[in-house]
Amino acid sequence: MNNRNQRYARKILTQFLVLAAAIIVVVIWQQDFLYAVYAENQVTQVGLFINGGIGLLFFAGIYQIVREFRRLESEETALNQTLSNLENKRAALEGVRAESLIANRYETLVDLHQQHAVINHSALAATVVALESSRVSFPKFVHNVLILTGVFGTVVSLSIALLGASDVIVSTTETGGLGMIIHGMSTALSTTMTAIFAYLFFGYFYLRLMDAQTYVVSSLESSTTRILLPMFQIEPEKAAEQLSQIVKTAAALVERLDQSQASYAEVAADLRNLFVSYRDEMQRNSDGLTKMTKVLREGFRLDESDN
């Protein structure tokens, strides 16, 4: 039976690299349009700061996601190496990272087995799930906040546009207010577009990260159930059967002991009867000798004082 697991995280990481390369190509191709949207005719630096903040948050989250994909890939490698070692009758953790999930699981099972403790697979699985959930807290934060940055940029940009509109209303002869309106609308468009594209890209690979994490955890638990637990855990039915056999054997020993004690009692009674018979026989013999001695003394007319 083949116990190997597919390299799920590596496949998603490859998709990430391909899509990132495609986006870079599109950006280079449309650099003039993007420069016009993001850089030309900027009255203030609000758009630059908001778009820069969105980009900073986006790339920080992407960096963490890539790290998690690499870690999950190493977890799959460690799991496959452990299964290969067990299949080939080698040391289970030979060539496996000590901090990997499968190494921690195997060492935990060994420790529980040595302590003759009950192995609760559900508790072990819940611990792994909680640990894995804590590893993606920052990507989860970025995923929840990223789209709100676009809303924030839109609100700020519309505020700038309203400020320009107020200038137009106050003085119809100045063109600065009209330029501020156009700048505000342009900034609102750029920040919203940045946030939406960043959210779509990040959200897709965040969900794929969740899929990869679920796949690794399910592979770990499946391998534990099919391969590791039978090595360390005694099934309750077998334990009850062994206990029943022990009880039956003990009952048979007690019965044999009772029989032996009864036999010993019979032997003791026979010995006592034999002793009583022997004593009576000795008494009769003694009485017979006394009578014989008396008869001989009387026949030979011997005095009782003579020897």
C-alpha atoms as a PDB file:
ATOM      1  CA  MET A   1       0.000   0.000   0.000  1.00  0.00           C
ATOM      2  CA  ASN A   2       1.301   3.439  -0.940  1.00  0.00           C
ATOM      3  CA  ASN A   3       1.213   5.790   2.029  1.00  0.00           C
ATOM      4  CA  ARG A   4       2.693   8.817   0.255  1.00  0.00           C
ATOM      5  CA  ASN A   5       0.873  12.162   0.257  1.00  0.00           C
ATOM      6  CA  GLN A   6       0.750  14.551  -2.662  1.00  0.00           C
ATOM      7  CA  ARG A   7       2.727  17.795  -2.554  1.00  0.00           C
ATOM      8  CA  TYR A   8      -0.388  19.990  -2.319  1.00  0.00           C
ATOM      9  CA  ALA A   9       1.389  23.073  -0.951  1.00  0.00           C
ATOM     10  CA  ARG A  10       4.007  22.958  -3.707  1.00  0.00           C
ATOM     11  CA  LYS A  11       1.298  22.969  -6.375  1.00  0.00           C
ATOM     12  CA  ILE A  12      -0.349  26.059  -4.906  1.00  0.00           C
ATOM     13  CA  LEU A  13       3.013  27.784  -4.505  1.00  0.00           C
ATOM     14  CA  THR A  14       3.697  27.116  -8.170  1.00  0.00           C
ATOM     15  CA  GLN A  15       0.322  28.669  -9.049  1.00  0.00           C
ATOM     16  CA  PHE A  16       1.256  31.688  -6.963  1.00  0.00           C
ATOM     17  CA  LEU A  17       4.550  32.177  -8.782  1.00  0.00           C
ATOM     18  CA  VAL A  18       2.903  31.824 -12.195  1.00  0.00           C
ATOM     19  CA  LEU A  19       0.128  34.297 -11.378  1.00  0.00           C
ATOM     20  CA  ALA A  20       2.596  36.765  -9.824  1.00  0.00           C
ATOM     21  CA  ALA A  21       4.736  36.605 -12.971  1.00  0.00           C
ATOM     22  CA  ALA A  22       1.649  37.203 -15.133  1.00  0.00           C
ATOM     23  CA  ILE A  23       0.697  40.268 -13.066  1.00  0.00           C
ATOM     24  CA  ILE A  24       4.226  41.663 -13.379  1.00  0.00           C
ATOM     25  CA  VAL A  25       4.019  41.239 -17.149  1.00  0.00           C
ATOM     26  CA  VAL A  26       0.646  43.072 -17.250  1.00  0.00           C
ATOM     27  CA  VAL A  27       2.029  45.884 -15.081  1.00  0.00           C
ATOM     28  CA  ILE A  28       5.003  46.331 -17.399  1.00  0.00           C
ATOM     29  CA  TRP A  29       2.686  46.224 -20.417  1.00  0.00           C
ATOM     30  CA  GLN A  30       0.276  48.825 -18.985  1.00  0.00           C
ATOM     31  CA  GLN A  31       2.840  50.944 -17.175  1.00  0.00           C
ATOM     32  CA  ASP A  32       1.839  54.127 -18.995  1.00  0.00           C
ATOM     33  CA  PHE A  33      -1.803  53.756 -18.009  1.00  0.00           C
ATOM     34  CA  LEU A  34      -0.924  52.896 -14.430  1.00  0.00           C
ATOM     35  CA  TYR A  35       1.455  55.862 -14.216  1.00  0.00           C
ATOM     36  CA  ALA A  36      -1.301  58.155 -15.441  1.00  0.00           C
ATOM     37  CA  VAL A  37      -3.745  56.811 -12.838  1.00  0.00           C
ATOM     38  CA  TYR A  38      -1.405  56.742  -9.874  1.00  0.00           C
ATOM     39  CA  ALA A  39       1.216  59.442 -10.441  1.00  0.00           C
ATOM     40  CA  GLU A  40       0.162  62.141 -12.930  1.00  0.00           C
ATOM     41  CA  ASN A  41      -1.581  65.364 -11.902  1.00  0.00           C
ATOM     42  CA  GLN A  42      -1.489  64.597  -8.190  1.00  0.00           C
ATOM     43  CA  VAL A  43      -2.340  67.766  -6.286  1.00  0.00           C
ATOM     44  CA  THR A  44      -1.682  66.111  -2.903  1.00  0.00           C
ATOM     45  CA  GLN A  45       0.227  63.054  -1.699  1.00  0.00           C
ATOM     46  CA  VAL A  46      -2.860  61.440  -0.144  1.00  0.00           C
ATOM     47  CA  GLY A  47      -3.237  58.892  -2.922  1.00  0.00           C
ATOM     48  CA  LEU A  48       0.443  57.951  -2.696  1.00  0.00           C
ATOM     49  CA  PHE A  49       0.236  57.402   1.054  1.00  0.00           C
ATOM     50  CA  ILE A  50      -2.991  55.399   0.952  1.00  0.00           C
ATOM     51  CA  ASN A  51      -1.917  53.246  -1.993  1.00  0.00           C
ATOM     52  CA  GLY A  52       1.489  52.786  -0.356  1.00  0.00           C
ATOM     53  CA  GLY A  53      -0.177  51.668   2.878  1.00  0.00           C
ATOM     54  CA  ILE A  54      -2.360  49.210   0.968  1.00  0.00           C
ATOM     55  CA  GLY A  55       0.678  47.875  -0.864  1.00  0.00           C
ATOM     56  CA  LEU A  56       2.694  47.566   2.354  1.00  0.00           C
ATOM     57  CA  LEU A  57      -0.093  45.663   4.082  1.00  0.00           C
ATOM     58  CA  PHE A  58      -0.584  43.487   1.004  1.00  0.00           C
ATOM     59  CA  PHE A  59       3.080  42.533   0.605  1.00  0.00           C
ATOM     60  CA  ALA A  60       3.462  41.861   4.338  1.00  0.00           C
ATOM     61  CA  GLY A  61       0.533  39.452   4.160  1.00  0.00           C
ATOM     62  CA  ILE A  62       1.844  37.856   0.961  1.00  0.00           C
ATOM     63  CA  TYR A  63       5.230  37.331   2.594  1.00  0.00           C
ATOM     64  CA  GLN A  64       3.589  35.542   5.503  1.00  0.00           C
ATOM     65  CA  ILE A  65       1.487  33.410   3.146  1.00  0.00           C
ATOM     66  CA  VAL A  66       4.562  32.367   1.149  1.00  0.00           C
ATOM     67  CA  ARG A  67       6.327  31.430   4.394  1.00  0.00           C
ATOM     68  CA  GLU A  68       3.350  29.307   5.413  1.00  0.00           C
ATOM     69  CA  PHE A  69       3.295  27.568   2.032  1.00  0.00           C
ATOM     70  CA  ARG A  70       6.988  26.748   2.402  1.00  0.00           C
ATOM     71  CA  ARG A  71       6.411  25.457   5.927  1.00  0.00           C
ATOM     72  CA  LEU A  72       3.483  23.292   4.823  1.00  0.00           C
ATOM     73  CA  GLU A  73       5.614  21.932   1.996  1.00  0.00           C
ATOM     74  CA  SER A  74       8.281  20.933   4.534  1.00  0.00           C
ATOM     75  CA  GLU A  75       5.551  19.330   6.703  1.00  0.00           C
ATOM     76  CA  GLU A  76       4.456  17.212   3.744  1.00  0.00           C
ATOM     77  CA  THR A  77       8.074  16.215   3.114  1.00  0.00           C
ATOM     78  CA  ALA A  78       8.553  15.234   6.766  1.00  0.00           C
ATOM     79  CA  LEU A  79       5.331  13.206   6.761  1.00  0.00           C
ATOM     80  CA  ASN A  80       6.289  11.343   3.583  1.00  0.00           C
ATOM     81  CA  GLN A  81       9.786  10.684   4.964  1.00  0.00           C
ATOM     82  CA  THR A  82       8.353   9.246   8.194  1.00  0.00           C
ATOM     83  CA  LEU A  83       5.952   6.971   6.324  1.00  0.00           C
ATOM     84  CA  SER A  84       8.807   5.841   4.076  1.00  0.00           C
ATOM     85  CA  ASN A  85      10.965   5.051   7.121  1.00  0.00           C
ATOM     86  CA  LEU A  86       8.197   2.985   8.704  1.00  0.00           C
ATOM     87  CA  GLU A  87       7.522   1.168   5.454  1.00  0.00           C
ATOM     88  CA  ASN A  88      11.212   0.311   5.019  1.00  0.00           C
ATOM     89  CA  LYS A  89      11.662  -0.778   8.683  1.00  0.00           C
ATOM     90  CA  ARG A  90      13.990   2.114   9.530  1.00  0.00           C
ATOM     91  CA  ALA A  91      13.931   4.492  12.486  1.00  0.00           C
ATOM     92  CA  ALA A  92      10.675   6.452  12.189  1.00  0.00           C
ATOM     93  CA  LEU A  93      12.207   9.935  12.522  1.00  0.00           C
ATOM     94  CA  GLU A  94      15.379   9.325  10.534  1.00  0.00           C
ATOM     95  CA  GLY A  95      15.978  12.398   8.353  1.00  0.00           C
ATOM     96  CA  VAL A  96      12.872  14.173   9.730  1.00  0.00           C
ATOM     97  CA  ARG A  97      12.921  17.681  11.210  1.00  0.00           C
ATOM     98  CA  ALA A  98      12.532  17.531  14.984  1.00  0.00           C
ATOM     99  CA  GLU A  99      10.085  20.466  15.014  1.00  0.00           C
ATOM    100  CA  SER A 100       7.749  19.024  12.347  1.00  0.00           C
ATOM    101  CA  LEU A 101       4.171  18.036  13.155  1.00  0.00           C
ATOM    102  CA  ILE A 102       4.727  14.340  12.445  1.00  0.00           C
ATOM    103  CA  ALA A 103       7.829  14.257  14.676  1.00  0.00           C
ATOM    104  CA  ASN A 104       5.926  15.864  17.553  1.00  0.00           C
ATOM    105  CA  ARG A 105       3.021  13.467  17.016  1.00  0.00           C
ATOM    106  CA  TYR A 106       5.259  10.392  16.966  1.00  0.00           C
ATOM    107  CA  GLU A 107       7.173  11.464  20.083  1.00  0.00           C
ATOM    108  CA  THR A 108       3.886  12.173  21.887  1.00  0.00           C
ATOM    109  CA  LEU A 109       2.580   8.692  21.049  1.00  0.00           C
ATOM    110  CA  VAL A 110       5.824   7.101  22.229  1.00  0.00           C
ATOM    111  CA  ASP A 111       5.687   9.048  25.499  1.00  0.00           C
ATOM    112  CA  LEU A 112       2.039   8.113  26.151  1.00  0.00           C
ATOM    113  CA  HIS A 113       2.732   4.480  25.310  1.00  0.00           C
ATOM    114  CA  GLN A 114       5.667   4.326  27.728  1.00  0.00           C
ATOM    115  CA  GLN A 115       3.477   5.782  30.480  1.00  0.00           C
ATOM    116  CA  HIS A 116       0.729   3.230  29.689  1.00  0.00           C
ATOM    117  CA  ALA A 117      -1.671   6.142  29.273  1.00  0.00           C
ATOM    118  CA  VAL A 118      -4.844   6.166  27.182  1.00  0.00           C
ATOM    119  CA  ILE A 119      -4.224   7.737  23.759  1.00  0.00           C
ATOM    120  CA  ASN A 120      -6.992  10.224  22.935  1.00  0.00           C
ATOM    121  CA  HIS A 121      -6.717  10.834  19.212  1.00  0.00           C
ATOM    122  CA  SER A 122      -9.415  13.528  19.259  1.00  0.00           C
ATOM    123  CA  ALA A 123      -7.475  15.592  21.801  1.00  0.00           C
ATOM    124  CA  LEU A 124      -4.269  15.282  19.767  1.00  0.00           C
ATOM    125  CA  ALA A 125      -6.076  16.376  16.588  1.00  0.00           C
ATOM    126  CA  ALA A 126      -7.692  19.352  18.338  1.00  0.00           C
ATOM    127  CA  THR A 127      -4.280  20.462  19.589  1.00  0.00           C
ATOM    128  CA  VAL A 128      -2.837  20.425  16.064  1.00  0.00           C
ATOM    129  CA  VAL A 129      -5.822  22.351  14.679  1.00  0.00           C
ATOM    130  CA  ALA A 130      -5.462  25.023  17.368  1.00  0.00           C
ATOM    131  CA  LEU A 131      -1.731  25.306  16.691  1.00  0.00           C
ATOM    132  CA  GLU A 132      -2.239  25.651  12.943  1.00  0.00           C
ATOM    133  CA  SER A 133      -4.962  28.272  13.428  1.00  0.00           C
ATOM    134  CA  SER A 134      -2.577  30.431  15.454  1.00  0.00           C
ATOM    135  CA  ARG A 135      -0.012  30.395  12.633  1.00  0.00           C
ATOM    136  CA  VAL A 136      -2.271  32.254  10.168  1.00  0.00           C
ATOM    137  CA  SER A 137      -3.540  34.991  12.460  1.00  0.00           C
ATOM    138  CA  PHE A 138      -1.714  37.775  10.582  1.00  0.00           C
ATOM    139  CA  PRO A 139      -2.848  36.673   7.083  1.00  0.00           C
ATOM    140  CA  LYS A 140      -6.379  36.445   8.484  1.00  0.00           C
ATOM    141  CA  PHE A 141      -6.062  40.015   9.769  1.00  0.00           C
ATOM    142  CA  VAL A 142      -4.821  41.261   6.388  1.00  0.00           C
ATOM    143  CA  HIS A 143      -7.617  39.398   4.611  1.00  0.00           C
ATOM    144  CA  ASN A 144     -10.251  41.051   6.816  1.00  0.00           C
ATOM    145  CA  VAL A 145      -8.754  44.559   6.721  1.00  0.00           C
ATOM    146  CA  LEU A 146      -7.484  44.851   3.153  1.00  0.00           C
ATOM    147  CA  ILE A 147     -10.830  45.651   1.519  1.00  0.00           C
ATOM    148  CA  LEU A 148     -11.542  48.241   4.227  1.00  0.00           C
ATOM    149  CA  THR A 149      -8.422  50.157   3.224  1.00  0.00           C
ATOM    150  CA  GLY A 150     -10.006  50.753  -0.169  1.00  0.00           C
ATOM    151  CA  VAL A 151     -13.149  52.078   1.520  1.00  0.00           C
ATOM    152  CA  PHE A 152     -10.982  54.305   3.703  1.00  0.00           C
ATOM    153  CA  GLY A 153      -9.143  55.639   0.645  1.00  0.00           C
ATOM    154  CA  THR A 154     -12.460  56.312  -1.107  1.00  0.00           C
ATOM    155  CA  VAL A 155     -13.838  58.217   1.885  1.00  0.00           C
ATOM    156  CA  VAL A 156     -10.676  60.321   2.215  1.00  0.00           C
ATOM    157  CA  SER A 157     -10.589  61.030  -1.531  1.00  0.00           C
ATOM    158  CA  LEU A 158     -14.249  62.043  -1.609  1.00  0.00           C
ATOM    159  CA  SER A 159     -13.545  64.347   1.311  1.00  0.00           C
ATOM    160  CA  ILE A 160     -10.806  65.984  -0.760  1.00  0.00           C
ATOM    161  CA  ALA A 161     -13.220  66.262  -3.692  1.00  0.00           C
ATOM    162  CA  LEU A 162     -15.846  67.894  -1.464  1.00  0.00           C
ATOM    163  CA  LEU A 163     -13.196  70.301  -0.218  1.00  0.00           C
ATOM    164  CA  GLY A 164     -12.465  71.257  -3.827  1.00  0.00           C
ATOM    165  CA  ALA A 165     -16.192  71.601  -4.513  1.00  0.00           C
ATOM    166  CA  SER A 166     -16.529  74.015  -1.626  1.00  0.00           C
ATOM    167  CA  ASP A 167     -13.726  76.132  -3.119  1.00  0.00           C
ATOM    168  CA  VAL A 168     -15.551  76.166  -6.457  1.00  0.00           C
ATOM    169  CA  ILE A 169     -18.748  77.271  -4.791  1.00  0.00           C
ATOM    170  CA  VAL A 170     -16.964  80.080  -2.930  1.00  0.00           C
ATOM    171  CA  SER A 171     -15.108  81.393  -5.984  1.00  0.00           C
ATOM    172  CA  THR A 172     -16.141  80.475  -9.501  1.00  0.00           C
ATOM    173  CA  THR A 173     -13.135  82.266 -10.976  1.00  0.00           C
ATOM    174  CA  GLU A 174     -10.493  79.909  -9.502  1.00  0.00           C
ATOM    175  CA  THR A 175      -9.616  76.614 -11.146  1.00  0.00           C
ATOM    176  CA  GLY A 176      -7.824  75.212  -8.112  1.00  0.00           C
ATOM    177  CA  GLY A 177     -11.061  73.974  -6.607  1.00  0.00           C
ATOM    178  CA  LEU A 178     -12.008  72.142  -9.808  1.00  0.00           C
ATOM    179  CA  GLY A 179      -8.566  70.542  -9.923  1.00  0.00           C
ATOM    180  CA  MET A 180      -9.007  69.404  -6.317  1.00  0.00           C
ATOM    181  CA  ILE A 181     -12.330  67.768  -7.249  1.00  0.00           C
ATOM    182  CA  ILE A 182     -10.726  65.915 -10.136  1.00  0.00           C
ATOM    183  CA  HIS A 183      -7.795  64.924  -7.943  1.00  0.00           C
ATOM    184  CA  GLY A 184     -10.122  63.610  -5.237  1.00  0.00           C
ATOM    185  CA  MET A 185     -12.130  61.530  -7.710  1.00  0.00           C
ATOM    186  CA  SER A 186      -8.919  60.195  -9.279  1.00  0.00           C
ATOM    187  CA  THR A 187      -7.510  59.287  -5.872  1.00  0.00           C
ATOM    188  CA  ALA A 188     -10.761  57.564  -4.919  1.00  0.00           C
ATOM    189  CA  LEU A 189     -10.587  55.531  -8.128  1.00  0.00           C
ATOM    190  CA  SER A 190      -6.929  54.551  -7.658  1.00  0.00           C
ATOM    191  CA  THR A 191      -7.242  53.573  -3.992  1.00  0.00           C
ATOM    192  CA  THR A 192     -10.407  51.566  -4.615  1.00  0.00           C
ATOM    193  CA  MET A 193      -8.857  49.807  -7.602  1.00  0.00           C
ATOM    194  CA  THR A 194      -5.683  49.031  -5.640  1.00  0.00           C
ATOM    195  CA  ALA A 195      -7.624  47.631  -2.698  1.00  0.00           C
ATOM    196  CA  ILE A 196      -9.915  45.502  -4.891  1.00  0.00           C
ATOM    197  CA  PHE A 197      -7.104  43.921  -6.916  1.00  0.00           C
ATOM    198  CA  ALA A 198      -5.005  43.380  -3.799  1.00  0.00           C
ATOM    199  CA  TYR A 199      -7.982  41.830  -2.000  1.00  0.00           C
ATOM    200  CA  LEU A 200      -8.791  39.503  -4.912  1.00  0.00           C
ATOM    201  CA  PHE A 201      -5.206  38.262  -5.227  1.00  0.00           C
ATOM    202  CA  PHE A 202      -4.623  37.989  -1.509  1.00  0.00           C
ATOM    203  CA  GLY A 203      -8.038  36.482  -0.796  1.00  0.00           C
ATOM    204  CA  TYR A 204      -7.579  33.714  -3.357  1.00  0.00           C
ATOM    205  CA  PHE A 205      -4.235  32.568  -2.009  1.00  0.00           C
ATOM    206  CA  TYR A 206      -5.412  33.003   1.582  1.00  0.00           C
ATOM    207  CA  LEU A 207      -8.201  30.517   0.872  1.00  0.00           C
ATOM    208  CA  ARG A 208      -5.748  28.190  -0.869  1.00  0.00           C
ATOM    209  CA  LEU A 209      -3.509  28.457   2.194  1.00  0.00           C
ATOM    210  CA  MET A 210      -6.450  27.306   4.315  1.00  0.00           C
ATOM    211  CA  ASP A 211      -6.962  24.409   1.885  1.00  0.00           C
ATOM    212  CA  ALA A 212      -3.277  23.439   2.070  1.00  0.00           C
ATOM    213  CA  GLN A 213      -3.321  23.648   5.851  1.00  0.00           C
ATOM    214  CA  THR A 214      -6.444  21.471   6.006  1.00  0.00           C
ATOM    215  CA  TYR A 215      -4.860  18.971   3.624  1.00  0.00           C
ATOM    216  CA  VAL A 216      -1.692  18.671   5.716  1.00  0.00           C
ATOM    217  CA  VAL A 217      -3.628  18.260   8.969  1.00  0.00           C
ATOM    218  CA  SER A 218      -5.968  15.671   7.419  1.00  0.00           C
ATOM    219  CA  SER A 219      -2.982  13.748   6.042  1.00  0.00           C
ATOM    220  CA  LEU A 220      -1.361  13.788   9.473  1.00  0.00           C
ATOM    221  CA  GLU A 221      -4.504  12.534  11.199  1.00  0.00           C
ATOM    222  CA  SER A 222      -5.140   9.906   8.526  1.00  0.00           C
ATOM    223  CA  SER A 223      -1.593   8.579   8.858  1.00  0.00           C
ATOM    224  CA  THR A 224      -1.953   8.587  12.642  1.00  0.00           C
ATOM    225  CA  THR A 225      -5.182   6.586  12.466  1.00  0.00           C
ATOM    226  CA  ARG A 226      -4.032   4.051   9.870  1.00  0.00           C
ATOM    227  CA  ILE A 227      -0.361   3.586  10.780  1.00  0.00           C
ATOM    228  CA  LEU A 228       0.770   5.122  14.071  1.00  0.00           C
ATOM    229  CA  LEU A 229      -2.086   4.280  16.449  1.00  0.00           C
ATOM    230  CA  PRO A 230      -2.018   0.528  15.719  1.00  0.00           C
ATOM    231  CA  MET A 231       1.669   0.593  16.722  1.00  0.00           C
ATOM    232  CA  PHE A 232       1.028   2.103  20.164  1.00  0.00           C
ATOM    233  CA  GLN A 233      -2.590   1.699  21.146  1.00  0.00           C
ATOM    234  CA  ILE A 234      -4.325  -1.443  22.370  1.00  0.00           C
ATOM    235  CA  GLU A 235      -7.880  -1.638  21.131  1.00  0.00           C
ATOM    236  CA  PRO A 236     -10.531  -1.627  23.899  1.00  0.00           C
ATOM    237  CA  GLU A 237     -12.045  -4.903  22.643  1.00  0.00           C
ATOM    238  CA  LYS A 238      -8.682  -6.643  22.774  1.00  0.00           C
ATOM    239  CA  ALA A 239      -7.963  -5.189  26.202  1.00  0.00           C
ATOM    240  CA  ALA A 240     -11.333  -6.427  27.501  1.00  0.00           C
ATOM    241  CA  GLU A 241     -10.713  -9.845  25.981  1.00  0.00           C
ATOM    242  CA  GLN A 242      -7.264 -10.029  27.586  1.00  0.00           C
ATOM    243  CA  LEU A 243      -8.734  -8.961  30.932  1.00  0.00           C
ATOM    244  CA  SER A 244     -11.422 -11.631  30.622  1.00  0.00           C
ATOM    245  CA  GLN A 245      -8.774 -14.268  29.941  1.00  0.00           C
ATOM    246  CA  ILE A 246      -6.791 -13.094  32.976  1.00  0.00           C
ATOM    247  CA  VAL A 247      -9.895 -13.310  35.186  1.00  0.00           C
ATOM    248  CA  LYS A 248     -10.707 -16.800  33.900  1.00  0.00           C
ATOM    249  CA  THR A 249      -7.131 -17.946  34.511  1.00  0.00           C
ATOM    250  CA  ALA A 250      -7.178 -16.501  38.027  1.00  0.00           C
ATOM    251  CA  ALA A 251     -10.489 -18.236  38.762  1.00  0.00           C
ATOM    252  CA  ALA A 252      -9.071 -21.542  37.528  1.00  0.00           C
ATOM    253  CA  LEU A 253      -5.996 -21.079  39.730  1.00  0.00           C
ATOM    254  CA  VAL A 254      -8.193 -20.355  42.754  1.00  0.00           C
ATOM    255  CA  GLU A 255     -10.255 -23.470  42.026  1.00  0.00           C
ATOM    256  CA  ARG A 256      -7.124 -25.574  41.733  1.00  0.00           C
ATOM    257  CA  LEU A 257      -5.837 -24.067  44.965  1.00  0.00           C
ATOM    258  CA  ASP A 258      -9.097 -25.013  46.715  1.00  0.00           C
ATOM    259  CA  GLN A 259      -8.776 -28.525  45.347  1.00  0.00           C
ATOM    260  CA  SER A 260      -5.179 -28.723  46.568  1.00  0.00           C
ATOM    261  CA  GLN A 261      -6.186 -27.523  50.002  1.00  0.00           C
ATOM    262  CA  ALA A 262      -8.945 -30.151  50.122  1.00  0.00           C
ATOM    263  CA  SER A 263      -6.412 -32.811  49.132  1.00  0.00           C
ATOM    264  CA  TYR A 264      -4.036 -31.606  51.817  1.00  0.00           C
ATOM    265  CA  ALA A 265      -6.863 -31.831  54.368  1.00  0.00           C
ATOM    266  CA  GLU A 266      -7.629 -35.401  53.300  1.00  0.00           C
ATOM    267  CA  VAL A 267      -3.962 -36.358  53.565  1.00  0.00           C
ATOM    268  CA  ALA A 268      -3.775 -34.751  57.024  1.00  0.00           C
ATOM    269  CA  ALA A 269      -6.881 -36.673  58.137  1.00  0.00           C
ATOM    270  CA  ASP A 270      -5.420 -39.945  56.814  1.00  0.00           C
ATOM    271  CA  LEU A 271      -2.152 -39.257  58.632  1.00  0.00           C
ATOM    272  CA  ARG A 272      -4.054 -38.496  61.827  1.00  0.00           C
ATOM    273  CA  ASN A 273      -6.074 -41.727  61.513  1.00  0.00           C
ATOM    274  CA  LEU A 274      -2.905 -43.663  60.766  1.00  0.00           C
ATOM    275  CA  PHE A 275      -1.210 -42.188  63.815  1.00  0.00           C
ATOM    276  CA  VAL A 276      -4.187 -43.053  66.024  1.00  0.00           C
ATOM    277  CA  SER A 277      -4.225 -46.614  64.657  1.00  0.00           C
ATOM    278  CA  TYR A 278      -0.480 -46.922  65.190  1.00  0.00           C
ATOM    279  CA  ARG A 279      -0.824 -45.638  68.747  1.00  0.00           C
ATOM    280  CA  ASP A 280      -3.652 -48.089  69.525  1.00  0.00           C
ATOM    281  CA  GLU A 281      -1.643 -50.931  68.026  1.00  0.00           C
ATOM    282  CA  MET A 282       1.365 -49.986  70.110  1.00  0.00           C
ATOM    283  CA  GLN A 283      -0.837 -49.851  73.188  1.00  0.00           C
ATOM    284  CA  ARG A 284      -2.241 -53.288  72.471  1.00  0.00           C
ATOM    285  CA  ASN A 285       1.241 -54.666  71.895  1.00  0.00           C
ATOM    286  CA  SER A 286       2.397 -53.149  75.166  1.00  0.00           C
ATOM    287  CA  ASP A 287      -0.539 -54.683  77.041  1.00  0.00           C
ATOM    288  CA  GLY A 288       0.155 -58.069  75.407  1.00  0.00           C
ATOM    289  CA  LEU A 289       3.804 -57.959  76.435  1.00  0.00           C
ATOM    290  CA  THR A 290       2.803 -57.063  79.976  1.00  0.00           C
ATOM    291  CA  LYS A 291       0.428 -60.002  80.180  1.00  0.00           C
ATOM    292  CA  MET A 292       3.021 -62.360  78.667  1.00  0.00           C
ATOM    293  CA  THR A 293       5.605 -61.215  81.166  1.00  0.00           C
ATOM    294  CA  LYS A 294       3.196 -61.791  84.001  1.00  0.00           C
ATOM    295  CA  VAL A 295       2.387 -65.293  82.776  1.00  0.00           C
ATOM    296  CA  LEU A 296       6.046 -66.175  82.440  1.00  0.00           C
ATOM    297  CA  ARG A 297       6.774 -64.924  85.952  1.00  0.00           C
ATOM    298  CA  GLU A 298       3.958 -66.961  87.336  1.00  0.00           C
ATOM    299  CA  GLY A 299       5.030 -70.067  85.370  1.00  0.00           C
ATOM    300  CA  PHE A 300       8.615 -69.934  86.499  1.00  0.00           C
ATOM    301  CA  ARG A 301       7.624 -68.702  89.988  1.00  0.00           C
ATOM    302  CA  LEU A 302       9.766 -65.643  89.651  1.00  0.00           C
ATOM    303  CA  ASP A 303       9.620 -62.804  92.019  1.00  0.00           C
ATOM    304  CA  GLU A 304       8.586 -59.483  90.453  1.00  0.00           C
ATOM    305  CA  SER A 305      11.790 -57.966  91.791  1.00  0.00           C
ATOM    306  CA  ASP A 306      13.882 -60.357  89.685  1.00  0.00           C
ATOM    307  CA  ASN A 307      15.059 -59.178  86.409  1.00  0.00           C
END
